[in-house]
Amino acid sequence: MLPYEGQVNEDAAAVAFIVCVNDDAYFEECQYYINRLHIPEDYKTEILAVREADSMCAAYNLAMCSTAAKYKVYLHQDVFIRQENFLYEILRRFRENPEVGMIGMVGGNDMPKSGIVFDKWNEGKIDVREPDMAYQLLFNPEGKDDAIVEAIDRCMIITQYDLPWREDLFTHFDFYDVSQAFEFRKRGYQILVPYQEQPWIIHDCGFCKLGKYDEDRRLLVSEYAGFLLSDRETEFVYDREWDELSRQLAACIRQMLEAGKWKDAKEAIQVYHQRNFKSTELEILSVMLEIHQAEGDRKQGFFDGLCSYADMYEKYVKVRFLLRRIELENKDAESRRLLDDIRRGELSCEAVLIFLVHSIVNKHRLLAILEEIYKTSGQTAAYRKVHALAEAWKEKGIPITYGRKRNRTQEGEVG
């Protein structure tokens, strides 16, 4: 653990965005959204990337000591800030509430004695983009006020004070968020989740890797028993054998794609679809295979001319990101070029619609844009497909999932 607390030569008019990076495509997209933020007058921002980290705590300690910025936004590379007034919102809350040490987008109360906290969040909102589906995740949707919570989710942690991250305890990538919240509370600070009319961030997340989860859970319980008081338990389920099998299966399918054996890859992916466990890598491969199958014998397919899986993945991720920008009505040069590709038919309607199904929350907005493009460009067959889909989804709203309801017992009400 670091031998001191606090920052030397603190710059109270600076905000540092601190990101652990192992995927440059995601980091570039993360920076795109940071660079779109409105910056309050007389404030400055910086982005610090930490690569090849041994643990999140070690990475965050290193970055924390590398900047004089008073305000620090610790975020994952797959978190994209869609609220352009984000800095105004965060800084106002810190200035008005000096007792608030940390802010997060999602958090919760009623932390369990077992330390299994991942389903205990009961405040906040988040725009979730998993590999296979996109939706808004809402906790306490009736709430209209900021909420004080016991801990916050790891995807984004914002601080106005510096405390060492417990790298002496947590040497992997779990529980650093809960631990840091408890460290702040030990010193008398509060943890806040702000009210968001719409989610402030997008989390383009994969599925959690739980290989070290139970080991770190035991450390949390041992160190912070005084903060873990609820008897409401959740069963922890982890299949180590399937975890290893899924890694091997993903590696085999990637090799098949590079060899052009798409039919064999399609058969192999069925092993995954027969299981109940989720794998980020295999879900991405499933969507790629879906695009290839939907295009059929199209003369110029989405993956044609790409020999390595790295190139296939790069194109897949880039188009996914750009279609999301178009959904959010961000007008930038790269998005306009993608729209031109769609207008010229260089990006197939089949591929676009599969991205829309799996990756887009506001499907109505993107469908309206696509309808206009296909209609004005004379792509009659594509227009009919999109128009039929728009009609079928006309009565459907934005996909929403609700998290656990807030427990009111701490406020004197029966929960």
Protein backbone atom coordinates (compact mmCIF):
# COMPACT_ATOMS: atom_id res chain seq x y z
CA MET A 1 0.00 0.00 0.00
CA LEU A 2 1.21 3.53 -0.68
CA PRO A 3 2.77 5.21 2.38
CA TYR A 4 0.77 8.41 2.12
CA GLU A 5 -2.61 9.89 1.34
CA GLY A 6 -3.33 13.07 -0.57
CA GLN A 7 -1.66 14.61 -3.60
CA VAL A 8 1.30 16.95 -3.66
CA ASN A 9 0.83 20.23 -5.58
CA GLU A 10 -2.84 19.48 -6.17
CA ASP A 11 -4.45 21.17 -9.17
CA ALA A 12 -8.02 21.93 -8.11
CA ALA A 13 -9.03 22.97 -11.63
CA ALA A 14 -8.02 19.75 -13.37
CA VAL A 15 -9.76 16.46 -14.12
CA ALA A 16 -7.81 13.32 -14.98
CA PHE A 17 -9.42 10.42 -16.84
CA ILE A 18 -7.57 7.25 -15.85
CA VAL A 19 -8.02 4.19 -18.08
CA CYS A 20 -6.52 0.70 -17.95
CA VAL A 21 -5.91 -0.33 -21.56
CA ASN A 22 -5.44 -3.67 -23.30
CA ASP A 23 -7.48 -2.98 -26.47
CA ASP A 24 -6.53 0.08 -28.51
CA ALA A 25 -9.78 0.10 -30.52
CA TYR A 26 -11.82 0.44 -27.34
CA PHE A 27 -9.44 3.00 -25.86
CA GLU A 28 -9.68 5.16 -28.98
CA GLU A 29 -13.48 5.08 -28.76
CA CYS A 30 -13.34 5.89 -25.06
CA GLN A 31 -11.20 8.94 -25.87
CA TYR A 32 -13.61 9.98 -28.64
CA TYR A 33 -16.39 10.43 -26.08
CA ILE A 34 -14.13 12.11 -23.52
CA ASN A 35 -13.01 14.62 -26.14
CA ARG A 36 -16.65 15.51 -26.86
CA LEU A 37 -17.35 16.59 -23.29
CA HIS A 38 -18.09 20.20 -22.49
CA ILE A 39 -15.32 21.50 -20.26
CA PRO A 40 -16.13 24.13 -17.61
CA GLU A 41 -14.34 27.44 -18.00
CA ASP A 42 -10.88 27.54 -16.40
CA TYR A 43 -10.77 23.74 -16.08
CA LYS A 44 -8.48 21.41 -17.97
CA THR A 45 -8.54 17.67 -18.57
CA GLU A 46 -6.02 14.93 -19.25
CA ILE A 47 -6.23 11.27 -20.19
CA LEU A 48 -3.85 8.77 -18.59
CA ALA A 49 -3.58 5.27 -20.06
CA VAL A 50 -2.11 2.46 -17.97
CA ARG A 51 -1.05 -0.60 -19.93
CA GLU A 52 0.09 -4.10 -18.91
CA ALA A 53 -1.26 -3.66 -15.40
CA ASP A 54 -0.75 -6.46 -12.88
CA SER A 55 -3.98 -5.45 -11.15
CA MET A 56 -6.52 -2.63 -11.20
CA CYS A 57 -5.38 -1.40 -7.78
CA ALA A 58 -1.74 -1.26 -8.88
CA ALA A 59 -2.67 0.54 -12.10
CA TYR A 60 -4.89 3.07 -10.36
CA ASN A 61 -2.26 3.78 -7.69
CA LEU A 62 0.34 4.40 -10.38
CA ALA A 63 -1.92 6.77 -12.29
CA MET A 64 -3.14 8.51 -9.15
CA CYS A 65 0.42 9.42 -8.25
CA SER A 66 1.21 10.53 -11.81
CA THR A 67 -1.18 13.48 -11.90
CA ALA A 68 -1.82 16.54 -9.78
CA ALA A 69 -5.47 16.71 -10.85
CA LYS A 70 -7.79 17.00 -7.86
CA TYR A 71 -10.64 15.23 -9.64
CA LYS A 72 -10.05 11.76 -11.07
CA VAL A 73 -12.34 9.66 -13.23
CA TYR A 74 -11.30 6.01 -13.09
CA LEU A 75 -13.06 4.23 -15.94
CA HIS A 76 -12.82 1.10 -18.01
CA GLN A 77 -11.71 1.39 -21.63
CA ASP A 78 -15.16 0.08 -22.65
CA VAL A 79 -17.00 2.95 -20.93
CA PHE A 80 -18.15 5.77 -23.19
CA ILE A 81 -19.53 8.97 -21.65
CA ARG A 82 -22.63 9.99 -23.60
CA GLN A 83 -23.68 12.86 -21.30
CA GLU A 84 -21.78 15.82 -22.76
CA ASN A 85 -22.36 17.92 -19.59
CA PHE A 86 -20.86 15.13 -17.48
CA LEU A 87 -18.09 17.32 -16.04
CA TYR A 88 -20.50 20.08 -15.02
CA GLU A 89 -22.73 17.53 -13.28
CA ILE A 90 -19.91 15.84 -11.39
CA LEU A 91 -18.04 18.99 -10.36
CA ARG A 92 -21.22 20.65 -9.09
CA ARG A 93 -21.97 17.74 -6.82
CA PHE A 94 -18.44 17.64 -5.43
CA ARG A 95 -18.37 21.39 -4.80
CA GLU A 96 -21.76 21.34 -3.08
CA ASN A 97 -20.95 18.23 -1.03
CA PRO A 98 -17.37 18.20 0.32
CA GLU A 99 -18.27 15.13 2.39
CA VAL A 100 -18.84 13.14 -0.83
CA GLY A 101 -15.58 11.42 -1.67
CA MET A 102 -16.68 9.14 -4.51
CA ILE A 103 -19.31 9.17 -7.24
CA GLY A 104 -20.40 6.24 -9.38
CA MET A 105 -23.06 5.65 -12.00
CA VAL A 106 -24.43 2.53 -10.30
CA GLY A 107 -24.29 1.52 -6.66
CA GLY A 108 -26.10 -0.13 -3.83
CA ASN A 109 -26.80 -0.71 -0.18
CA ASP A 110 -27.34 -3.76 1.96
CA MET A 111 -23.92 -5.33 1.31
CA PRO A 112 -24.05 -9.08 2.10
CA LYS A 113 -21.88 -10.96 4.60
CA SER A 114 -20.79 -13.29 1.79
CA GLY A 115 -19.19 -10.40 -0.14
CA ILE A 116 -21.09 -11.39 -3.30
CA VAL A 117 -22.22 -7.91 -4.28
CA PHE A 118 -22.79 -8.09 -8.05
CA ASP A 119 -26.58 -8.25 -7.77
CA LYS A 120 -26.91 -5.78 -4.87
CA TRP A 121 -26.85 -2.58 -6.90
CA ASN A 122 -30.11 -0.70 -6.37
CA GLU A 123 -29.40 2.86 -7.55
CA GLY A 124 -28.43 4.38 -10.88
CA LYS A 125 -28.74 3.75 -14.60
CA ILE A 126 -26.46 2.46 -17.30
CA ASP A 127 -26.65 1.98 -21.08
CA VAL A 128 -25.42 -1.60 -21.50
CA ARG A 129 -24.04 -2.95 -24.77
CA GLU A 130 -23.18 -6.61 -24.34
CA PRO A 131 -21.81 -8.54 -27.34
CA ASP A 132 -25.20 -10.10 -28.10
CA MET A 133 -27.71 -7.50 -26.89
CA ALA A 134 -28.17 -3.83 -25.98
CA TYR A 135 -30.47 -2.40 -23.32
CA GLN A 136 -30.82 0.16 -20.56
CA LEU A 137 -30.31 -1.22 -17.06
CA LEU A 138 -32.31 0.76 -14.50
CA PHE A 139 -32.23 0.57 -10.71
CA ASN A 140 -34.88 2.32 -8.61
CA PRO A 141 -36.45 3.86 -11.75
CA GLU A 142 -38.97 5.85 -9.69
CA GLY A 143 -36.19 7.73 -7.90
CA LYS A 144 -35.64 11.39 -8.83
CA ASP A 145 -32.83 12.30 -6.43
CA ASP A 146 -29.17 11.61 -5.87
CA ALA A 147 -28.61 8.62 -3.57
CA ILE A 148 -26.02 7.88 -0.91
CA VAL A 149 -24.90 4.25 -1.19
CA GLU A 150 -22.52 1.83 0.48
CA ALA A 151 -20.52 0.91 -2.64
CA ILE A 152 -20.42 1.58 -6.38
CA ASP A 153 -19.78 -0.44 -9.51
CA ARG A 154 -16.31 -0.62 -10.96
CA CYS A 155 -17.06 0.56 -14.50
CA MET A 156 -16.63 4.22 -13.41
CA ILE A 157 -15.37 5.62 -10.11
CA ILE A 158 -14.92 9.38 -9.68
CA THR A 159 -13.09 10.91 -6.72
CA GLN A 160 -12.28 14.33 -5.33
CA TYR A 161 -9.86 13.00 -2.69
CA ASP A 162 -6.97 10.56 -3.00
CA LEU A 163 -6.79 7.39 -0.95
CA PRO A 164 -4.46 4.48 -1.78
CA TRP A 165 -6.05 1.60 -3.63
CA ARG A 166 -5.49 -1.64 -1.71
CA GLU A 167 -3.00 -3.29 -4.03
CA ASP A 168 -1.59 -5.05 -0.96
CA LEU A 169 -4.82 -7.07 -0.85
CA PHE A 170 -6.35 -7.16 -4.31
CA THR A 171 -3.79 -8.28 -6.86
CA HIS A 172 -6.25 -9.23 -9.59
CA PHE A 173 -9.27 -7.48 -11.12
CA ASP A 174 -12.14 -8.02 -8.68
CA PHE A 175 -13.46 -6.14 -5.63
CA TYR A 176 -11.19 -3.11 -5.99
CA ASP A 177 -14.32 -0.98 -6.40
CA VAL A 178 -16.06 -2.21 -3.24
CA SER A 179 -12.83 -2.10 -1.28
CA GLN A 180 -12.17 1.52 -2.28
CA ALA A 181 -15.71 2.53 -1.31
CA PHE A 182 -15.19 0.98 2.11
CA GLU A 183 -11.82 2.75 2.47
CA PHE A 184 -13.52 6.09 1.79
CA ARG A 185 -16.28 5.31 4.26
CA LYS A 186 -13.69 4.39 6.91
CA ARG A 187 -12.49 7.97 6.71
CA GLY A 188 -15.97 9.41 6.98
CA TYR A 189 -16.64 10.17 3.31
CA GLN A 190 -19.90 9.46 1.54
CA ILE A 191 -20.46 7.57 -1.72
CA LEU A 192 -22.96 9.05 -4.17
CA VAL A 193 -24.89 7.88 -7.22
CA PRO A 194 -26.32 10.89 -9.09
CA TYR A 195 -29.80 11.02 -10.49
CA GLN A 196 -29.70 10.56 -14.27
CA GLU A 197 -32.73 11.22 -16.40
CA GLN A 198 -31.02 9.14 -19.07
CA PRO A 199 -27.92 7.01 -18.49
CA TRP A 200 -24.77 9.14 -18.56
CA ILE A 201 -22.51 6.35 -19.76
CA ILE A 202 -22.47 3.43 -22.16
CA HIS A 203 -20.80 0.27 -20.93
CA ASP A 204 -19.82 -1.78 -23.96
CA CYS A 205 -19.01 -4.69 -21.70
CA GLY A 206 -18.18 -8.31 -22.02
CA PHE A 207 -19.06 -10.95 -19.45
CA CYS A 208 -17.15 -11.10 -16.18
CA LYS A 209 -14.21 -13.49 -15.88
CA LEU A 210 -14.63 -15.13 -12.51
CA GLY A 211 -11.49 -17.24 -12.21
CA LYS A 212 -10.11 -15.19 -9.29
CA TYR A 213 -13.45 -13.93 -7.98
CA ASP A 214 -13.83 -16.33 -5.06
CA GLU A 215 -10.24 -15.82 -3.93
CA ASP A 216 -10.72 -12.05 -3.79
CA ARG A 217 -14.17 -12.40 -2.24
CA ARG A 218 -12.60 -14.16 0.75
CA LEU A 219 -10.10 -11.31 1.13
CA LEU A 220 -12.94 -8.77 1.09
CA VAL A 221 -14.89 -10.65 3.76
CA SER A 222 -11.81 -10.97 5.96
CA GLU A 223 -10.79 -7.30 5.67
CA TYR A 224 -14.18 -5.58 5.69
CA ALA A 225 -16.51 -7.73 7.77
CA GLY A 226 -17.79 -4.61 9.54
CA PHE A 227 -19.19 -3.29 6.24
CA LEU A 228 -20.83 -6.57 5.19
CA LEU A 229 -23.91 -6.92 7.36
CA SER A 230 -26.79 -8.26 5.29
CA ASP A 231 -27.90 -11.87 5.53
CA ARG A 232 -29.38 -11.70 2.01
CA GLU A 233 -27.13 -14.07 0.11
CA THR A 234 -26.53 -14.87 -3.55
CA GLU A 235 -25.10 -18.16 -4.70
CA PHE A 236 -21.77 -17.90 -6.52
CA VAL A 237 -21.61 -20.24 -9.52
CA TYR A 238 -18.42 -20.75 -11.48
CA ASP A 239 -17.59 -23.63 -13.82
CA ARG A 240 -13.81 -23.68 -14.21
CA GLU A 241 -13.92 -26.58 -16.69
CA TRP A 242 -16.32 -24.69 -18.98
CA ASP A 243 -14.25 -21.53 -18.66
CA GLU A 244 -11.21 -23.33 -20.02
CA LEU A 245 -13.23 -25.12 -22.69
CA SER A 246 -14.72 -21.82 -23.90
CA ARG A 247 -11.25 -20.32 -24.31
CA GLN A 248 -10.12 -23.33 -26.32
CA LEU A 249 -13.29 -23.32 -28.43
CA ALA A 250 -12.91 -19.61 -29.21
CA ALA A 251 -9.28 -20.14 -30.28
CA CYS A 252 -10.30 -23.00 -32.61
CA ILE A 253 -13.10 -20.96 -34.21
CA ARG A 254 -10.78 -18.00 -34.79
CA GLN A 255 -8.40 -20.33 -36.62
CA MET A 256 -11.29 -21.65 -38.73
CA LEU A 257 -12.25 -18.12 -39.76
CA GLU A 258 -8.69 -17.32 -40.77
CA ALA A 259 -8.65 -20.52 -42.86
CA GLY A 260 -11.94 -19.56 -44.51
CA LYS A 261 -13.77 -22.51 -42.92
CA TRP A 262 -16.92 -20.60 -42.08
CA LYS A 263 -19.21 -23.63 -42.30
CA ASP A 264 -17.05 -25.58 -39.83
CA ALA A 265 -17.00 -22.57 -37.51
CA LYS A 266 -20.79 -22.36 -37.65
CA GLU A 267 -21.06 -25.99 -36.58
CA ALA A 268 -18.47 -25.55 -33.82
CA ILE A 269 -20.25 -22.56 -32.27
CA GLN A 270 -23.26 -24.79 -31.58
CA VAL A 271 -21.31 -26.34 -28.69
CA TYR A 272 -21.40 -22.92 -27.04
CA HIS A 273 -25.08 -22.30 -27.73
CA GLN A 274 -25.95 -25.54 -25.96
CA ARG A 275 -24.49 -24.25 -22.67
CA ASN A 276 -25.95 -21.78 -20.18
CA PHE A 277 -22.70 -19.91 -19.51
CA LYS A 278 -21.74 -16.73 -21.35
CA SER A 279 -18.42 -16.02 -23.07
CA THR A 280 -17.49 -12.63 -24.49
CA GLU A 281 -15.23 -14.09 -27.17
CA LEU A 282 -17.76 -16.67 -28.29
CA GLU A 283 -20.62 -14.16 -28.40
CA ILE A 284 -18.57 -11.90 -30.68
CA LEU A 285 -17.75 -14.85 -32.91
CA SER A 286 -21.44 -15.78 -32.99
CA VAL A 287 -22.39 -12.34 -34.29
CA MET A 288 -19.61 -12.48 -36.90
CA LEU A 289 -20.87 -15.85 -38.09
CA GLU A 290 -24.42 -14.51 -38.20
CA ILE A 291 -23.29 -11.65 -40.46
CA HIS A 292 -21.47 -14.04 -42.79
CA GLN A 293 -24.45 -16.39 -43.02
CA ALA A 294 -26.96 -13.58 -43.59
CA GLU A 295 -24.92 -12.18 -46.49
CA GLY A 296 -24.89 -15.59 -48.17
CA ASP A 297 -23.34 -15.44 -51.64
CA ARG A 298 -23.11 -11.64 -51.69
CA LYS A 299 -20.34 -10.59 -54.07
CA GLN A 300 -18.59 -8.34 -51.54
CA GLY A 301 -19.21 -9.59 -48.02
CA PHE A 302 -18.37 -7.90 -44.72
CA PHE A 303 -15.26 -10.00 -44.11
CA ASP A 304 -14.09 -10.45 -47.72
CA GLY A 305 -10.43 -9.59 -48.22
CA LEU A 306 -9.62 -9.90 -44.52
CA CYS A 307 -7.21 -12.75 -43.85
CA SER A 308 -6.43 -12.44 -40.15
CA TYR A 309 -8.87 -12.59 -37.27
CA ALA A 310 -7.31 -9.39 -35.93
CA ASP A 311 -8.42 -7.56 -39.09
CA MET A 312 -11.91 -9.09 -38.92
CA TYR A 313 -12.27 -8.07 -35.28
CA GLU A 314 -11.01 -4.54 -35.98
CA LYS A 315 -13.60 -4.00 -38.73
CA TYR A 316 -16.38 -5.57 -36.65
CA VAL A 317 -15.63 -3.32 -33.66
CA LYS A 318 -15.25 -0.17 -35.76
CA VAL A 319 -18.59 -0.60 -37.53
CA ARG A 320 -20.25 -1.41 -34.21
CA PHE A 321 -18.87 1.82 -32.74
CA LEU A 322 -19.79 3.98 -35.74
CA LEU A 323 -23.37 2.70 -35.94
CA ARG A 324 -23.72 3.61 -32.26
CA ARG A 325 -22.45 7.13 -32.97
CA ILE A 326 -25.06 7.40 -35.72
CA GLU A 327 -27.72 6.14 -33.29
CA LEU A 328 -26.68 8.90 -30.87
CA GLU A 329 -26.74 11.42 -33.75
CA ASN A 330 -23.07 12.30 -33.38
CA LYS A 331 -22.01 14.05 -36.56
CA ASP A 332 -18.34 13.31 -37.22
CA ALA A 333 -16.33 12.53 -40.32
CA GLU A 334 -16.00 8.79 -39.66
CA SER A 335 -19.75 8.37 -39.11
CA ARG A 336 -20.49 10.27 -42.31
CA ARG A 337 -18.14 7.99 -44.24
CA LEU A 338 -19.93 4.92 -42.89
CA LEU A 339 -23.27 6.41 -43.94
CA ASP A 340 -21.81 6.94 -47.41
CA ASP A 341 -20.74 3.27 -47.49
CA ILE A 342 -24.31 2.27 -46.62
CA ARG A 343 -25.70 4.65 -49.25
CA ARG A 344 -23.47 3.12 -51.92
CA GLY A 345 -24.28 -0.44 -50.84
CA GLU A 346 -20.67 -1.15 -49.85
CA LEU A 347 -21.86 -2.18 -46.39
CA SER A 348 -24.66 -4.69 -46.81
CA CYS A 349 -28.11 -4.16 -45.40
CA GLU A 350 -27.92 -7.66 -43.90
CA ALA A 351 -24.80 -6.76 -41.90
CA VAL A 352 -26.24 -3.43 -40.76
CA LEU A 353 -29.45 -5.04 -39.50
CA ILE A 354 -27.56 -7.69 -37.52
CA PHE A 355 -25.53 -4.95 -35.84
CA LEU A 356 -28.78 -3.12 -35.16
CA VAL A 357 -30.39 -6.16 -33.51
CA HIS A 358 -27.40 -6.92 -31.27
CA SER A 359 -25.76 -3.55 -30.62
CA ILE A 360 -28.29 -0.71 -30.77
CA VAL A 361 -30.59 0.47 -27.94
CA ASN A 362 -32.58 3.11 -29.83
CA LYS A 363 -33.46 0.92 -32.78
CA HIS A 364 -36.25 3.24 -33.92
CA ARG A 365 -33.86 6.12 -34.45
CA LEU A 366 -31.36 4.11 -36.49
CA LEU A 367 -34.13 2.46 -38.52
CA ALA A 368 -35.52 5.88 -39.44
CA ILE A 369 -32.07 6.97 -40.66
CA LEU A 370 -31.65 3.75 -42.65
CA GLU A 371 -35.11 4.03 -44.22
CA GLU A 372 -34.26 7.49 -45.56
CA ILE A 373 -30.89 6.35 -46.91
CA TYR A 374 -32.22 3.28 -48.71
CA LYS A 375 -35.22 5.16 -50.07
CA THR A 376 -33.21 8.08 -51.51
CA SER A 377 -30.41 5.86 -52.83
CA GLY A 378 -32.82 3.60 -54.75
CA GLN A 379 -31.96 0.41 -52.82
CA THR A 380 -35.51 -0.89 -53.01
CA ALA A 381 -34.96 -4.35 -51.52
CA ALA A 382 -33.02 -2.93 -48.57
CA TYR A 383 -35.65 -0.25 -48.01
CA ARG A 384 -38.40 -2.88 -47.87
CA LYS A 385 -36.48 -4.93 -45.30
CA VAL A 386 -35.83 -1.93 -43.07
CA HIS A 387 -39.36 -0.56 -43.46
CA ALA A 388 -40.87 -3.94 -42.53
CA LEU A 389 -38.65 -4.13 -39.47
CA ALA A 390 -39.55 -0.57 -38.47
CA GLU A 391 -43.25 -1.40 -38.76
CA ALA A 392 -42.83 -4.59 -36.71
CA TRP A 393 -41.05 -2.69 -33.93
CA LYS A 394 -43.23 0.41 -34.05
CA GLU A 395 -45.00 -0.38 -30.78
CA LYS A 396 -41.87 -1.54 -28.98
CA GLY A 397 -39.97 0.83 -26.75
CA ILE A 398 -36.29 0.96 -25.86
CA PRO A 399 -35.18 -2.38 -24.35
CA ILE A 400 -35.09 -1.98 -20.57
CA THR A 401 -34.01 -4.32 -17.78
CA TYR A 402 -34.70 -3.50 -14.15
CA GLY A 403 -32.25 -4.21 -11.36
CA ARG A 404 -33.03 -5.08 -7.76
CA LYS A 405 -35.46 -2.70 -6.07
CA ARG A 406 -34.05 -0.39 -3.47
CA ASN A 407 -34.18 -1.68 0.10
CA ARG A 408 -35.86 1.00 2.21
CA THR A 409 -35.35 -0.59 5.63
CA GLN A 410 -32.39 1.68 6.44
CA GLU A 411 -34.69 4.67 5.99
CA GLY A 412 -37.22 3.39 8.53
CA GLU A 413 -39.59 1.90 5.99
CA VAL A 414 -40.54 -1.71 5.55
CA GLY A 415 -38.56 -3.05 2.60
